[in-house]
N, C-alpha and C. Protein backbone atom coordinates (compact mmCIF):
# COMPACT_ATOMS: atom_id res chain seq x y z
N MET A 1 0.84 -1.17 0.00
CA MET A 1 0.00 0.00 0.00
C MET A 1 0.89 1.24 0.00
N SER A 2 0.54 2.22 -0.79
CA SER A 2 1.30 3.46 -0.87
C SER A 2 1.36 4.15 0.48
N ALA A 3 2.40 4.96 0.65
CA ALA A 3 2.56 5.78 1.83
C ALA A 3 2.96 7.17 1.37
N TYR A 4 2.71 8.14 2.23
CA TYR A 4 2.94 9.53 1.87
C TYR A 4 3.77 10.23 2.93
N LEU A 5 4.78 10.93 2.48
CA LEU A 5 5.54 11.80 3.36
C LEU A 5 5.00 13.19 3.10
N VAL A 6 4.51 13.82 4.16
CA VAL A 6 3.88 15.13 4.06
C VAL A 6 4.70 16.12 4.89
N ALA A 7 5.01 17.25 4.29
CA ALA A 7 5.76 18.29 4.99
C ALA A 7 5.02 19.61 4.85
N VAL A 8 4.86 20.30 5.96
CA VAL A 8 4.38 21.68 5.94
C VAL A 8 5.58 22.53 6.32
N VAL A 9 5.83 23.55 5.52
CA VAL A 9 7.10 24.26 5.61
C VAL A 9 6.88 25.77 5.49
N GLU A 10 7.65 26.51 6.27
CA GLU A 10 7.78 27.95 6.08
C GLU A 10 9.24 28.22 5.79
N VAL A 11 9.53 28.68 4.60
CA VAL A 11 10.90 28.98 4.21
C VAL A 11 11.29 30.32 4.82
N THR A 12 12.36 30.31 5.59
CA THR A 12 12.83 31.53 6.25
C THR A 12 14.01 32.16 5.52
N ASP A 13 14.69 31.38 4.69
CA ASP A 13 15.83 31.87 3.91
C ASP A 13 15.75 31.26 2.51
N PRO A 14 15.03 31.94 1.60
CA PRO A 14 14.81 31.37 0.26
C PRO A 14 16.08 31.01 -0.50
N GLU A 15 17.11 31.83 -0.42
CA GLU A 15 18.34 31.53 -1.15
C GLU A 15 19.00 30.26 -0.61
N ALA A 16 19.07 30.11 0.69
CA ALA A 16 19.67 28.91 1.28
C ALA A 16 18.80 27.69 1.00
N TYR A 17 17.49 27.85 0.98
CA TYR A 17 16.58 26.73 0.74
C TYR A 17 16.77 26.15 -0.66
N LYS A 18 17.18 26.98 -1.59
CA LYS A 18 17.42 26.51 -2.97
C LYS A 18 18.46 25.40 -3.00
N LYS A 19 19.45 25.45 -2.11
CA LYS A 19 20.48 24.40 -2.07
C LYS A 19 19.86 23.06 -1.70
N TYR A 20 18.95 23.08 -0.75
CA TYR A 20 18.24 21.85 -0.37
C TYR A 20 17.34 21.38 -1.52
N ALA A 21 16.55 22.30 -2.06
CA ALA A 21 15.59 21.96 -3.11
C ALA A 21 16.25 21.40 -4.35
N ALA A 22 17.47 21.81 -4.62
CA ALA A 22 18.18 21.30 -5.79
C ALA A 22 18.63 19.85 -5.61
N ARG A 23 18.87 19.44 -4.39
CA ARG A 23 19.40 18.09 -4.14
C ARG A 23 18.33 17.08 -3.75
N ALA A 24 17.19 17.52 -3.26
CA ALA A 24 16.17 16.60 -2.76
C ALA A 24 15.58 15.67 -3.83
N PRO A 25 15.23 16.14 -5.02
CA PRO A 25 14.56 15.25 -5.99
C PRO A 25 15.32 13.97 -6.32
N GLU A 26 16.62 14.06 -6.49
CA GLU A 26 17.40 12.86 -6.82
C GLU A 26 17.32 11.82 -5.70
N THR A 27 17.42 12.27 -4.48
CA THR A 27 17.35 11.36 -3.34
C THR A 27 15.97 10.74 -3.22
N ILE A 28 14.94 11.54 -3.43
CA ILE A 28 13.57 11.04 -3.36
C ILE A 28 13.36 9.93 -4.37
N SER A 29 13.74 10.17 -5.61
CA SER A 29 13.53 9.15 -6.65
C SER A 29 14.40 7.92 -6.42
N GLN A 30 15.57 8.11 -5.84
CA GLN A 30 16.46 6.97 -5.54
C GLN A 30 15.79 5.97 -4.59
N TYR A 31 14.90 6.46 -3.75
CA TYR A 31 14.21 5.58 -2.79
C TYR A 31 12.77 5.28 -3.20
N GLY A 32 12.46 5.45 -4.48
CA GLY A 32 11.16 5.06 -5.02
C GLY A 32 10.06 6.07 -4.80
N GLY A 33 10.42 7.29 -4.42
CA GLY A 33 9.40 8.31 -4.18
C GLY A 33 9.20 9.22 -5.37
N ARG A 34 8.09 9.92 -5.33
CA ARG A 34 7.81 10.92 -6.36
C ARG A 34 6.97 12.03 -5.75
N TYR A 35 7.14 13.21 -6.29
CA TYR A 35 6.37 14.35 -5.83
C TYR A 35 4.93 14.24 -6.31
N LEU A 36 3.99 14.47 -5.41
CA LEU A 36 2.60 14.68 -5.79
C LEU A 36 2.27 16.17 -5.68
N VAL A 37 2.84 16.81 -4.67
CA VAL A 37 2.70 18.25 -4.47
C VAL A 37 4.07 18.76 -4.07
N ARG A 38 4.52 19.83 -4.70
CA ARG A 38 5.85 20.37 -4.36
C ARG A 38 5.77 21.88 -4.19
N GLY A 39 5.88 22.31 -2.95
CA GLY A 39 5.97 23.73 -2.66
C GLY A 39 4.72 24.52 -2.93
N ALA A 40 3.60 23.84 -3.02
CA ALA A 40 2.36 24.54 -3.32
C ALA A 40 1.94 25.45 -2.18
N GLN A 41 1.47 26.62 -2.53
CA GLN A 41 0.88 27.51 -1.55
C GLN A 41 -0.62 27.24 -1.57
N PRO A 42 -1.16 26.78 -0.45
CA PRO A 42 -2.55 26.35 -0.44
C PRO A 42 -3.55 27.49 -0.64
N ASP A 43 -4.62 27.16 -1.30
CA ASP A 43 -5.77 28.05 -1.44
C ASP A 43 -6.73 27.64 -0.33
N VAL A 44 -6.56 28.21 0.85
CA VAL A 44 -7.28 27.78 2.04
C VAL A 44 -8.75 28.14 1.91
N GLN A 45 -9.61 27.15 2.09
CA GLN A 45 -11.04 27.33 1.98
C GLN A 45 -11.72 27.47 3.34
N GLU A 46 -11.03 26.98 4.38
CA GLU A 46 -11.65 27.01 5.70
C GLU A 46 -10.55 26.96 6.76
N GLY A 47 -10.70 27.68 7.83
CA GLY A 47 -9.75 27.64 8.92
C GLY A 47 -8.46 28.37 8.59
N GLU A 48 -7.44 28.11 9.40
CA GLU A 48 -6.13 28.73 9.21
C GLU A 48 -5.11 27.66 8.87
N TRP A 49 -4.38 27.88 7.81
CA TRP A 49 -3.33 26.94 7.39
C TRP A 49 -2.08 27.27 8.19
N PRO A 50 -1.38 26.25 8.71
CA PRO A 50 -0.28 26.53 9.64
C PRO A 50 0.96 27.17 9.02
N LEU A 51 1.33 26.80 7.81
CA LEU A 51 2.55 27.33 7.20
C LEU A 51 2.30 27.60 5.72
N ASP A 52 3.30 28.15 5.02
CA ASP A 52 3.04 28.65 3.67
C ASP A 52 3.30 27.68 2.53
N ARG A 53 3.91 26.52 2.80
CA ARG A 53 4.20 25.57 1.71
C ARG A 53 3.78 24.17 2.12
N LEU A 54 3.44 23.38 1.13
CA LEU A 54 3.08 21.99 1.36
C LEU A 54 3.84 21.13 0.36
N VAL A 55 4.38 20.02 0.85
CA VAL A 55 5.03 19.03 -0.01
C VAL A 55 4.43 17.67 0.32
N VAL A 56 4.04 16.93 -0.70
CA VAL A 56 3.53 15.57 -0.52
C VAL A 56 4.31 14.66 -1.46
N LEU A 57 4.95 13.65 -0.86
CA LEU A 57 5.68 12.64 -1.63
C LEU A 57 4.96 11.32 -1.51
N GLU A 58 4.94 10.55 -2.59
CA GLU A 58 4.35 9.21 -2.56
C GLU A 58 5.46 8.19 -2.67
N PHE A 59 5.39 7.16 -1.82
CA PHE A 59 6.32 6.04 -1.83
C PHE A 59 5.53 4.74 -1.95
N PRO A 60 6.18 3.66 -2.37
CA PRO A 60 5.47 2.39 -2.52
C PRO A 60 4.84 1.89 -1.21
N ASP A 61 5.49 2.18 -0.08
CA ASP A 61 4.96 1.74 1.21
C ASP A 61 5.64 2.53 2.32
N VAL A 62 5.18 2.33 3.55
CA VAL A 62 5.71 3.07 4.70
C VAL A 62 7.20 2.82 4.87
N GLU A 63 7.62 1.58 4.70
CA GLU A 63 9.04 1.26 4.89
C GLU A 63 9.92 1.98 3.87
N ALA A 64 9.45 2.11 2.64
CA ALA A 64 10.22 2.84 1.63
C ALA A 64 10.34 4.32 2.02
N ALA A 65 9.27 4.89 2.53
CA ALA A 65 9.30 6.29 2.97
C ALA A 65 10.28 6.46 4.13
N ARG A 66 10.27 5.51 5.06
CA ARG A 66 11.20 5.58 6.19
C ARG A 66 12.65 5.41 5.73
N ARG A 67 12.87 4.48 4.78
CA ARG A 67 14.24 4.29 4.26
C ARG A 67 14.74 5.58 3.63
N PHE A 68 13.87 6.23 2.87
CA PHE A 68 14.25 7.51 2.28
C PHE A 68 14.62 8.52 3.38
N TYR A 69 13.70 8.74 4.32
CA TYR A 69 13.91 9.80 5.31
C TYR A 69 15.18 9.56 6.13
N HIS A 70 15.44 8.32 6.48
CA HIS A 70 16.59 8.00 7.34
C HIS A 70 17.86 7.65 6.55
N SER A 71 17.78 7.73 5.23
CA SER A 71 18.94 7.38 4.40
C SER A 71 20.09 8.35 4.63
N PRO A 72 21.32 7.87 4.45
CA PRO A 72 22.47 8.78 4.57
C PRO A 72 22.40 9.93 3.57
N GLU A 73 21.89 9.66 2.38
CA GLU A 73 21.81 10.69 1.34
C GLU A 73 20.87 11.82 1.76
N TYR A 74 19.71 11.44 2.32
CA TYR A 74 18.77 12.48 2.72
C TYR A 74 19.22 13.17 4.00
N GLN A 75 19.70 12.41 4.96
CA GLN A 75 20.14 13.01 6.22
C GLN A 75 21.28 14.00 6.00
N GLU A 76 22.04 13.81 4.93
CA GLU A 76 23.11 14.76 4.61
C GLU A 76 22.56 16.14 4.26
N ILE A 77 21.36 16.20 3.64
CA ILE A 77 20.81 17.50 3.24
C ILE A 77 19.75 18.04 4.21
N VAL A 78 19.32 17.25 5.17
CA VAL A 78 18.35 17.73 6.16
C VAL A 78 18.82 19.01 6.84
N PRO A 79 20.09 19.13 7.24
CA PRO A 79 20.52 20.38 7.87
C PRO A 79 20.34 21.61 6.97
N LEU A 80 20.45 21.43 5.66
CA LEU A 80 20.21 22.55 4.73
C LEU A 80 18.77 23.03 4.84
N ARG A 81 17.84 22.07 4.87
CA ARG A 81 16.41 22.41 4.99
C ARG A 81 16.14 23.05 6.33
N GLN A 82 16.65 22.46 7.39
CA GLN A 82 16.37 22.95 8.73
C GLN A 82 16.95 24.35 8.97
N ALA A 83 18.08 24.65 8.36
CA ALA A 83 18.69 25.97 8.52
C ALA A 83 17.94 27.06 7.75
N ALA A 84 17.19 26.66 6.72
CA ALA A 84 16.54 27.62 5.84
C ALA A 84 15.02 27.65 5.98
N SER A 85 14.47 26.83 6.90
CA SER A 85 13.02 26.76 7.02
C SER A 85 12.64 26.23 8.39
N LYS A 86 11.34 26.30 8.66
CA LYS A 86 10.80 25.63 9.83
C LYS A 86 9.56 24.88 9.37
N GLY A 87 9.20 23.83 10.10
CA GLY A 87 8.04 23.07 9.69
C GLY A 87 7.98 21.72 10.36
N ALA A 88 7.21 20.84 9.76
CA ALA A 88 7.01 19.50 10.29
C ALA A 88 6.95 18.51 9.14
N VAL A 89 7.40 17.27 9.41
CA VAL A 89 7.40 16.20 8.41
C VAL A 89 6.77 14.97 9.04
N ALA A 90 5.88 14.31 8.32
CA ALA A 90 5.23 13.10 8.82
C ALA A 90 5.10 12.08 7.69
N ILE A 91 5.10 10.81 8.06
CA ILE A 91 4.84 9.72 7.12
C ILE A 91 3.49 9.14 7.46
N LEU A 92 2.65 8.99 6.43
CA LEU A 92 1.29 8.50 6.62
C LEU A 92 1.02 7.33 5.69
N PRO A 93 0.42 6.26 6.19
CA PRO A 93 0.03 5.17 5.29
C PRO A 93 -1.15 5.61 4.44
N GLY A 94 -1.20 5.06 3.22
CA GLY A 94 -2.34 5.35 2.36
C GLY A 94 -3.61 4.69 2.87
N TYR A 95 -4.72 5.17 2.40
CA TYR A 95 -6.02 4.63 2.79
C TYR A 95 -6.29 3.34 2.03
N GLU A 96 -6.68 2.34 2.76
CA GLU A 96 -7.02 1.06 2.15
C GLU A 96 -8.50 0.83 2.36
N GLY A 97 -9.28 1.15 1.34
CA GLY A 97 -10.73 1.13 1.52
C GLY A 97 -11.41 -0.05 0.93
């Protein structure tokens, strides 16, 4: 069953964030992931949205998403993201209906 890595992000240093954004796609695809939403600014219809950007990645399953997140390749660039933004990242299993 597919799994999704979801990140809500507020970029605090756009120039520095570009370094992270340039390297992330290769690592994501290396672990079987693909972007479904990348950096979209939501058109909020109700309530208050917590941050200004949303990223949704799809992976074949939860374990693939975890392998990606904890991989040496991704952990190498995590400090770039953290230094240039604030936010939260979560892995969610897909709905099996």
